[in-house]
Amino acid sequence: LSKKEIINGGKVLVKKVLEFKPQFAAVLGIGAYRTAFNQPKTKLGLQKEKVGDAKIWLLPNPSGLNAHYQLNDLAELFSELRKTIKND
């Protein structure tokens, strides 16, 4: 995807979150998030920023092409999100 497409996708995501009002929104793909929301130094996990009242949680892209995170790493990161939602 081009930078413009990623930024437009971020705008679409914001509209959907504002419309459906979830407590949490998980975004998969740190590079896409950094581009879409102009947050070049953001890290995985719970973000400081919210969309409406929704807390934003950033996770790595689980694609098999993402060599930075193995299955066990992904499971742990997704488990952290689950625990946070459960305890919120």
PDB file of N, CA and C in Angstrom:
ATOM      1  N   LEU A   1       0.830  -1.187   0.000  1.00  0.00           N
ATOM      2  CA  LEU A   1       0.000   0.000   0.000  1.00  0.00           C
ATOM      3  C   LEU A   1       0.873   1.248   0.000  1.00  0.00           C
ATOM      4  N   SER A   2       0.367   2.287  -0.607  1.00  0.00           N
ATOM      5  CA  SER A   2       1.095   3.556  -0.605  1.00  0.00           C
ATOM      6  C   SER A   2       0.858   4.282   0.719  1.00  0.00           C
ATOM      7  N   LYS A   3       1.686   5.265   0.992  1.00  0.00           N
ATOM      8  CA  LYS A   3       1.531   6.070   2.209  1.00  0.00           C
ATOM      9  C   LYS A   3       0.143   6.715   2.238  1.00  0.00           C
ATOM     10  N   LYS A   4      -0.299   7.223   1.098  1.00  0.00           N
ATOM     11  CA  LYS A   4      -1.618   7.859   1.016  1.00  0.00           C
ATOM     12  C   LYS A   4      -2.731   6.863   1.351  1.00  0.00           C
ATOM     13  N   GLU A   5      -2.615   5.642   0.842  1.00  0.00           N
ATOM     14  CA  GLU A   5      -3.626   4.618   1.123  1.00  0.00           C
ATOM     15  C   GLU A   5      -3.647   4.259   2.606  1.00  0.00           C
ATOM     16  N   ILE A   6      -2.483   4.183   3.218  1.00  0.00           N
ATOM     17  CA  ILE A   6      -2.411   3.863   4.648  1.00  0.00           C
ATOM     18  C   ILE A   6      -3.026   4.989   5.477  1.00  0.00           C
ATOM     19  N   ILE A   7      -2.727   6.219   5.134  1.00  0.00           N
ATOM     20  CA  ILE A   7      -3.305   7.362   5.853  1.00  0.00           C
ATOM     21  C   ILE A   7      -4.822   7.384   5.693  1.00  0.00           C
ATOM     22  N   ASN A   8      -5.303   7.133   4.485  1.00  0.00           N
ATOM     23  CA  ASN A   8      -6.753   7.071   4.258  1.00  0.00           C
ATOM     24  C   ASN A   8      -7.380   5.932   5.050  1.00  0.00           C
ATOM     25  N   GLY A   9      -6.684   4.797   5.133  1.00  0.00           N
ATOM     26  CA  GLY A   9      -7.176   3.677   5.929  1.00  0.00           C
ATOM     27  C   GLY A   9      -7.294   4.043   7.399  1.00  0.00           C
ATOM     28  N   GLY A  10      -6.352   4.828   7.899  1.00  0.00           N
ATOM     29  CA  GLY A  10      -6.427   5.304   9.279  1.00  0.00           C
ATOM     30  C   GLY A  10      -7.656   6.165   9.504  1.00  0.00           C
ATOM     31  N   LYS A  11      -7.980   7.007   8.538  1.00  0.00           N
ATOM     32  CA  LYS A  11      -9.172   7.859   8.639  1.00  0.00           C
ATOM     33  C   LYS A  11     -10.444   7.016   8.652  1.00  0.00           C
ATOM     34  N   VAL A  12     -10.467   5.984   7.829  1.00  0.00           N
ATOM     35  CA  VAL A  12     -11.622   5.077   7.798  1.00  0.00           C
ATOM     36  C   VAL A  12     -11.756   4.365   9.144  1.00  0.00           C
ATOM     37  N   LEU A  13     -10.640   3.918   9.698  1.00  0.00           N
ATOM     38  CA  LEU A  13     -10.665   3.249  11.002  1.00  0.00           C
ATOM     39  C   LEU A  13     -11.221   4.181  12.075  1.00  0.00           C
ATOM     40  N   VAL A  14     -10.768   5.414  12.100  1.00  0.00           N
ATOM     41  CA  VAL A  14     -11.261   6.381  13.086  1.00  0.00           C
ATOM     42  C   VAL A  14     -12.772   6.544  12.955  1.00  0.00           C
ATOM     43  N   LYS A  15     -13.282   6.681  11.741  1.00  0.00           N
ATOM     44  CA  LYS A  15     -14.726   6.828  11.527  1.00  0.00           C
ATOM     45  C   LYS A  15     -15.489   5.618  12.053  1.00  0.00           C
ATOM     46  N   LYS A  16     -14.964   4.418  11.792  1.00  0.00           N
ATOM     47  CA  LYS A  16     -15.639   3.198  12.247  1.00  0.00           C
ATOM     48  C   LYS A  16     -15.626   3.091  13.770  1.00  0.00           C
ATOM     49  N   VAL A  17     -14.511   3.428  14.384  1.00  0.00           N
ATOM     50  CA  VAL A  17     -14.429   3.379  15.849  1.00  0.00           C
ATOM     51  C   VAL A  17     -15.407   4.387  16.457  1.00  0.00           C
ATOM     52  N   LEU A  18     -15.482   5.577  15.895  1.00  0.00           N
ATOM     53  CA  LEU A  18     -16.420   6.575  16.404  1.00  0.00           C
ATOM     54  C   LEU A  18     -17.871   6.139  16.195  1.00  0.00           C
ATOM     55  N   GLU A  19     -18.130   5.440  15.109  1.00  0.00           N
ATOM     56  CA  GLU A  19     -19.493   4.971  14.828  1.00  0.00           C
ATOM     57  C   GLU A  19     -19.902   3.820  15.735  1.00  0.00           C
ATOM     58  N   PHE A  20     -19.031   2.828  15.894  1.00  0.00           N
ATOM     59  CA  PHE A  20     -19.400   1.613  16.623  1.00  0.00           C
ATOM     60  C   PHE A  20     -19.062   1.657  18.110  1.00  0.00           C
ATOM     61  N   LYS A  21     -18.222   2.590  18.529  1.00  0.00           N
ATOM     62  CA  LYS A  21     -17.914   2.865  19.925  1.00  0.00           C
ATOM     63  C   LYS A  21     -17.430   1.656  20.740  1.00  0.00           C
ATOM     64  N   PRO A  22     -16.413   0.946  20.259  1.00  0.00           N
ATOM     65  CA  PRO A  22     -15.870  -0.155  21.074  1.00  0.00           C
ATOM     66  C   PRO A  22     -15.078   0.421  22.252  1.00  0.00           C
ATOM     67  N   GLN A  23     -14.847  -0.418  23.264  1.00  0.00           N
ATOM     68  CA  GLN A  23     -14.001   0.008  24.382  1.00  0.00           C
ATOM     69  C   GLN A  23     -12.535  -0.008  23.973  1.00  0.00           C
ATOM     70  N   PHE A  24     -12.185  -0.968  23.118  1.00  0.00           N
ATOM     71  CA  PHE A  24     -10.821  -1.119  22.632  1.00  0.00           C
ATOM     72  C   PHE A  24     -10.845  -1.274  21.122  1.00  0.00           C
ATOM     73  N   ALA A  25      -9.781  -0.809  20.481  1.00  0.00           N
ATOM     74  CA  ALA A  25      -9.563  -1.064  19.056  1.00  0.00           C
ATOM     75  C   ALA A  25      -8.123  -1.539  18.911  1.00  0.00           C
ATOM     76  N   ALA A  26      -7.956  -2.721  18.359  1.00  0.00           N
ATOM     77  CA  ALA A  26      -6.616  -3.268  18.133  1.00  0.00           C
ATOM     78  C   ALA A  26      -6.210  -2.983  16.694  1.00  0.00           C
ATOM     79  N   VAL A  27      -5.014  -2.472  16.538  1.00  0.00           N
ATOM     80  CA  VAL A  27      -4.465  -2.191  15.216  1.00  0.00           C
ATOM     81  C   VAL A  27      -3.299  -3.142  15.003  1.00  0.00           C
ATOM     82  N   LEU A  28      -3.324  -3.877  13.902  1.00  0.00           N
ATOM     83  CA  LEU A  28      -2.276  -4.845  13.589  1.00  0.00           C
ATOM     84  C   LEU A  28      -1.334  -4.247  12.556  1.00  0.00           C
ATOM     85  N   GLY A  29      -0.097  -4.078  12.943  1.00  0.00           N
ATOM     86  CA  GLY A  29       0.912  -3.548  12.030  1.00  0.00           C
ATOM     87  C   GLY A  29       1.488  -2.239  12.531  1.00  0.00           C
ATOM     88  N   ILE A  30       2.648  -2.314  13.135  1.00  0.00           N
ATOM     89  CA  ILE A  30       3.248  -1.116  13.733  1.00  0.00           C
ATOM     90  C   ILE A  30       3.646  -0.090  12.675  1.00  0.00           C
ATOM     91  N   GLY A  31       4.148  -0.548  11.543  1.00  0.00           N
ATOM     92  CA  GLY A  31       4.539   0.385  10.485  1.00  0.00           C
ATOM     93  C   GLY A  31       3.347   1.130   9.923  1.00  0.00           C
ATOM     94  N   ALA A  32       2.261   0.414   9.691  1.00  0.00           N
ATOM     95  CA  ALA A  32       1.050   1.044   9.170  1.00  0.00           C
ATOM     96  C   ALA A  32       0.486   2.037  10.180  1.00  0.00           C
ATOM     97  N   TYR A  33       0.483   1.669  11.447  1.00  0.00           N
ATOM     98  CA  TYR A  33      -0.022   2.572  12.483  1.00  0.00           C
ATOM     99  C   TYR A  33       0.812   3.846  12.532  1.00  0.00           C
ATOM    100  N   ARG A  34       2.125   3.671  12.533  1.00  0.00           N
ATOM    101  CA  ARG A  34       3.014   4.838  12.591  1.00  0.00           C
ATOM    102  C   ARG A  34       2.744   5.788  11.427  1.00  0.00           C
ATOM    103  N   THR A  35       2.509   5.231  10.261  1.00  0.00           N
ATOM    104  CA  THR A  35       2.237   6.049   9.077  1.00  0.00           C
ATOM    105  C   THR A  35       0.842   6.661   9.132  1.00  0.00           C
ATOM    106  N   ALA A  36      -0.162   5.845   9.413  1.00  0.00           N
ATOM    107  CA  ALA A  36      -1.552   6.303   9.380  1.00  0.00           C
ATOM    108  C   ALA A  36      -1.830   7.393  10.401  1.00  0.00           C
ATOM    109  N   PHE A  37      -1.185   7.297  11.561  1.00  0.00           N
ATOM    110  CA  PHE A  37      -1.486   8.228  12.643  1.00  0.00           C
ATOM    111  C   PHE A  37      -0.322   9.161  12.978  1.00  0.00           C
ATOM    112  N   ASN A  38       0.662   9.216  12.088  1.00  0.00           N
ATOM    113  CA  ASN A  38       1.808  10.119  12.245  1.00  0.00           C
ATOM    114  C   ASN A  38       2.429   9.990  13.640  1.00  0.00           C
ATOM    115  N   GLN A  39       2.707   8.756  14.013  1.00  0.00           N
ATOM    116  CA  GLN A  39       3.308   8.443  15.311  1.00  0.00           C
ATOM    117  C   GLN A  39       4.583   7.635  15.069  1.00  0.00           C
ATOM    118  N   PRO A  40       5.636   8.250  14.555  1.00  0.00           N
ATOM    119  CA  PRO A  40       6.815   7.504  14.108  1.00  0.00           C
ATOM    120  C   PRO A  40       7.577   6.752  15.200  1.00  0.00           C
ATOM    121  N   LYS A  41       7.383   7.105  16.445  1.00  0.00           N
ATOM    122  CA  LYS A  41       8.149   6.455  17.515  1.00  0.00           C
ATOM    123  C   LYS A  41       7.297   5.578  18.420  1.00  0.00           C
ATOM    124  N   THR A  42       6.056   5.350  18.045  1.00  0.00           N
ATOM    125  CA  THR A  42       5.163   4.576  18.903  1.00  0.00           C
ATOM    126  C   THR A  42       5.668   3.155  19.091  1.00  0.00           C
ATOM    127  N   LYS A  43       5.266   2.543  20.177  1.00  0.00           N
ATOM    128  CA  LYS A  43       5.659   1.173  20.507  1.00  0.00           C
ATOM    129  C   LYS A  43       4.412   0.303  20.604  1.00  0.00           C
ATOM    130  N   LEU A  44       4.618  -1.001  20.630  1.00  0.00           N
ATOM    131  CA  LEU A  44       3.504  -1.932  20.755  1.00  0.00           C
ATOM    132  C   LEU A  44       2.796  -1.751  22.092  1.00  0.00           C
ATOM    133  N   GLY A  45       1.543  -2.190  22.132  1.00  0.00           N
ATOM    134  CA  GLY A  45       0.776  -2.153  23.373  1.00  0.00           C
ATOM    135  C   GLY A  45      -0.226  -1.012  23.399  1.00  0.00           C
ATOM    136  N   LEU A  46      -0.678  -0.708  24.595  1.00  0.00           N
ATOM    137  CA  LEU A  46      -1.668   0.342  24.798  1.00  0.00           C
ATOM    138  C   LEU A  46      -1.075   1.701  24.439  1.00  0.00           C
ATOM    139  N   GLN A  47      -1.819   2.462  23.670  1.00  0.00           N
ATOM    140  CA  GLN A  47      -1.360   3.775  23.224  1.00  0.00           C
ATOM    141  C   GLN A  47      -1.910   4.871  24.138  1.00  0.00           C
ATOM    142  N   LYS A  48      -1.207   5.987  24.207  1.00  0.00           N
ATOM    143  CA  LYS A  48      -1.669   7.134  24.996  1.00  0.00           C
ATOM    144  C   LYS A  48      -2.916   7.738  24.367  1.00  0.00           C
ATOM    145  N   GLU A  49      -2.946   7.749  23.049  1.00  0.00           N
ATOM    146  CA  GLU A  49      -4.052   8.348  22.322  1.00  0.00           C
ATOM    147  C   GLU A  49      -5.266   7.428  22.361  1.00  0.00           C
ATOM    148  N   LYS A  50      -6.432   8.048  22.336  1.00  0.00           N
ATOM    149  CA  LYS A  50      -7.691   7.323  22.210  1.00  0.00           C
ATOM    150  C   LYS A  50      -8.389   7.811  20.946  1.00  0.00           C
ATOM    151  N   VAL A  51      -9.328   7.019  20.479  1.00  0.00           N
ATOM    152  CA  VAL A  51     -10.234   7.453  19.418  1.00  0.00           C
ATOM    153  C   VAL A  51     -11.609   7.474  20.061  1.00  0.00           C
ATOM    154  N   GLY A  52     -12.152   8.655  20.262  1.00  0.00           N
ATOM    155  CA  GLY A  52     -13.363   8.766  21.063  1.00  0.00           C
ATOM    156  C   GLY A  52     -13.027   8.259  22.459  1.00  0.00           C
ATOM    157  N   ASP A  53     -13.807   7.296  22.942  1.00  0.00           N
ATOM    158  CA  ASP A  53     -13.533   6.678  24.242  1.00  0.00           C
ATOM    159  C   ASP A  53     -12.776   5.367  24.103  1.00  0.00           C
ATOM    160  N   ALA A  54     -12.489   4.962  22.883  1.00  0.00           N
ATOM    161  CA  ALA A  54     -11.833   3.667  22.646  1.00  0.00           C
ATOM    162  C   ALA A  54     -10.338   3.749  22.922  1.00  0.00           C
ATOM    163  N   LYS A  55      -9.862   2.799  23.699  1.00  0.00           N
ATOM    164  CA  LYS A  55      -8.430   2.662  23.934  1.00  0.00           C
ATOM    165  C   LYS A  55      -7.829   1.929  22.737  1.00  0.00           C
ATOM    166  N   ILE A  56      -6.685   2.384  22.306  1.00  0.00           N
ATOM    167  CA  ILE A  56      -6.034   1.813  21.125  1.00  0.00           C
ATOM    168  C   ILE A  56      -4.890   0.913  21.571  1.00  0.00           C
ATOM    169  N   TRP A  57      -4.876  -0.292  21.033  1.00  0.00           N
ATOM    170  CA  TRP A  57      -3.838  -1.274  21.352  1.00  0.00           C
ATOM    171  C   TRP A  57      -3.144  -1.649  20.051  1.00  0.00           C
ATOM    172  N   LEU A  58      -1.852  -1.493  20.019  1.00  0.00           N
ATOM    173  CA  LEU A  58      -1.075  -1.768  18.812  1.00  0.00           C
ATOM    174  C   LEU A  58      -0.378  -3.114  18.924  1.00  0.00           C
ATOM    175  N   LEU A  59      -0.567  -3.930  17.903  1.00  0.00           N
ATOM    176  CA  LEU A  59       0.031  -5.263  17.828  1.00  0.00           C
ATOM    177  C   LEU A  59       0.798  -5.406  16.516  1.00  0.00           C
ATOM    178  N   PRO A  60       1.775  -6.301  16.481  1.00  0.00           N
ATOM    179  CA  PRO A  60       2.479  -6.520  15.217  1.00  0.00           C
ATOM    180  C   PRO A  60       1.580  -7.232  14.213  1.00  0.00           C
ATOM    181  N   ASN A  61       1.893  -7.064  12.956  1.00  0.00           N
ATOM    182  CA  ASN A  61       1.185  -7.783  11.907  1.00  0.00           C
ATOM    183  C   ASN A  61       1.478  -9.277  12.077  1.00  0.00           C
ATOM    184  N   PRO A  62       0.442 -10.114  12.196  1.00  0.00           N
ATOM    185  CA  PRO A  62       0.673 -11.543  12.421  1.00  0.00           C
ATOM    186  C   PRO A  62       1.000 -12.337  11.158  1.00  0.00           C
ATOM    187  N   SER A  63       1.189 -11.669  10.048  1.00  0.00           N
ATOM    188  CA  SER A  63       1.515 -12.353   8.798  1.00  0.00           C
ATOM    189  C   SER A  63       2.760 -13.213   8.955  1.00  0.00           C
ATOM    190  N   GLY A  64       2.763 -14.339   8.300  1.00  0.00           N
ATOM    191  CA  GLY A  64       3.937 -15.205   8.291  1.00  0.00           C
ATOM    192  C   GLY A  64       5.142 -14.533   7.656  1.00  0.00           C
ATOM    193  N   LEU A  65       4.912 -13.465   6.915  1.00  0.00           N
ATOM    194  CA  LEU A  65       6.004 -12.721   6.296  1.00  0.00           C
ATOM    195  C   LEU A  65       6.720 -11.810   7.296  1.00  0.00           C
ATOM    196  N   ASN A  66       6.128 -11.627   8.466  1.00  0.00           N
ATOM    197  CA  ASN A  66       6.729 -10.785   9.499  1.00  0.00           C
ATOM    198  C   ASN A  66       7.693 -11.636  10.315  1.00  0.00           C
ATOM    199  N   ALA A  67       8.950 -11.560   9.981  1.00  0.00           N
ATOM    200  CA  ALA A  67       9.966 -12.405  10.625  1.00  0.00           C
ATOM    201  C   ALA A  67      10.377 -11.894  11.998  1.00  0.00           C
ATOM    202  N   HIS A  68       9.927 -10.716  12.380  1.00  0.00           N
ATOM    203  CA  HIS A  68      10.336 -10.138  13.661  1.00  0.00           C
ATOM    204  C   HIS A  68       9.652 -10.804  14.851  1.00  0.00           C
ATOM    205  N   TYR A  69       8.492 -11.406  14.631  1.00  0.00           N
ATOM    206  CA  TYR A  69       7.730 -11.996  15.728  1.00  0.00           C
ATOM    207  C   TYR A  69       7.366 -13.435  15.394  1.00  0.00           C
ATOM    208  N   GLN A  70       7.770 -14.334  16.258  1.00  0.00           N
ATOM    209  CA  GLN A  70       7.435 -15.743  16.108  1.00  0.00           C
ATOM    210  C   GLN A  70       6.074 -15.995  16.761  1.00  0.00           C
ATOM    211  N   LEU A  71       5.524 -17.166  16.529  1.00  0.00           N
ATOM    212  CA  LEU A  71       4.192 -17.499  17.022  1.00  0.00           C
ATOM    213  C   LEU A  71       4.081 -17.316  18.534  1.00  0.00           C
ATOM    214  N   ASN A  72       5.058 -17.769  19.283  1.00  0.00           N
ATOM    215  CA  ASN A  72       5.004 -17.622  20.743  1.00  0.00           C
ATOM    216  C   ASN A  72       4.988 -16.153  21.154  1.00  0.00           C
ATOM    217  N   ASP A  73       5.766 -15.322  20.454  1.00  0.00           N
ATOM    218  CA  ASP A  73       5.783 -13.884  20.743  1.00  0.00           C
ATOM    219  C   ASP A  73       4.414 -13.269  20.469  1.00  0.00           C
ATOM    220  N   LEU A  74       3.836 -13.627  19.333  1.00  0.00           N
ATOM    221  CA  LEU A  74       2.519 -13.099  18.976  1.00  0.00           C
ATOM    222  C   LEU A  74       1.470 -13.526  19.993  1.00  0.00           C
ATOM    223  N   ALA A  75       1.510 -14.791  20.390  1.00  0.00           N
ATOM    224  CA  ALA A  75       0.545 -15.294  21.369  1.00  0.00           C
ATOM    225  C   ALA A  75       0.641 -14.510  22.670  1.00  0.00           C
ATOM    226  N   GLU A  76       1.839 -14.220  23.109  1.00  0.00           N
ATOM    227  CA  GLU A  76       2.033 -13.459  24.345  1.00  0.00           C
ATOM    228  C   GLU A  76       1.487 -12.035  24.206  1.00  0.00           C
ATOM    229  N   LEU A  77       1.768 -11.394  23.085  1.00  0.00           N
ATOM    230  CA  LEU A  77       1.291 -10.026  22.874  1.00  0.00           C
ATOM    231  C   LEU A  77      -0.235  -9.963  22.786  1.00  0.00           C
ATOM    232  N   PHE A  78      -0.840 -10.905  22.081  1.00  0.00           N
ATOM    233  CA  PHE A  78      -2.297 -10.937  21.981  1.00  0.00           C
ATOM    234  C   PHE A  78      -2.915 -11.277  23.333  1.00  0.00           C
ATOM    235  N   SER A  79      -2.243 -12.110  24.109  1.00  0.00           N
ATOM    236  CA  SER A  79      -2.705 -12.458  25.453  1.00  0.00           C
ATOM    237  C   SER A  79      -2.705 -11.235  26.368  1.00  0.00           C
ATOM    238  N   GLU A  80      -1.706 -10.378  26.225  1.00  0.00           N
ATOM    239  CA  GLU A  80      -1.651  -9.144  27.018  1.00  0.00           C
ATOM    240  C   GLU A  80      -2.868  -8.271  26.731  1.00  0.00           C
ATOM    241  N   LEU A  81      -3.251  -8.171  25.473  1.00  0.00           N
ATOM    242  CA  LEU A  81      -4.445  -7.404  25.110  1.00  0.00           C
ATOM    243  C   LEU A  81      -5.672  -8.025  25.762  1.00  0.00           C
ATOM    244  N   ARG A  82      -5.799  -9.327  25.661  1.00  0.00           N
ATOM    245  CA  ARG A  82      -6.950 -10.027  26.242  1.00  0.00           C
ATOM    246  C   ARG A  82      -7.046  -9.769  27.740  1.00  0.00           C
ATOM    247  N   LYS A  83      -5.932  -9.868  28.436  1.00  0.00           N
ATOM    248  CA  LYS A  83      -5.919  -9.635  29.888  1.00  0.00           C
ATOM    249  C   LYS A  83      -6.307  -8.196  30.215  1.00  0.00           C
ATOM    250  N   THR A  84      -5.822  -7.264  29.430  1.00  0.00           N
ATOM    251  CA  THR A  84      -6.143  -5.857  29.662  1.00  0.00           C
ATOM    252  C   THR A  84      -7.633  -5.608  29.482  1.00  0.00           C
ATOM    253  N   ILE A  85      -8.211  -6.170  28.437  1.00  0.00           N
ATOM    254  CA  ILE A  85      -9.647  -6.004  28.191  1.00  0.00           C
ATOM    255  C   ILE A  85     -10.445  -6.632  29.324  1.00  0.00           C
ATOM    256  N   LYS A  86     -10.047  -7.807  29.729  1.00  0.00           N
ATOM    257  CA  LYS A  86     -10.760  -8.526  30.792  1.00  0.00           C
ATOM    258  C   LYS A  86     -10.731  -7.748  32.107  1.00  0.00           C
ATOM    259  N   ASN A  87      -9.618  -7.079  32.383  1.00  0.00           N
ATOM    260  CA  ASN A  87      -9.460  -6.366  33.653  1.00  0.00           C
ATOM    261  C   ASN A  87      -9.915  -4.910  33.602  1.00  0.00           C
ATOM    262  N   ASP A  88     -10.353  -4.459  32.446  1.00  0.00           N
ATOM    263  CA  ASP A  88     -10.745  -3.054  32.291  1.00  0.00           C
ATOM    264  C   ASP A  88     -12.151  -2.813  32.825  1.00  0.00           C
TER     265      ASP A  88
END
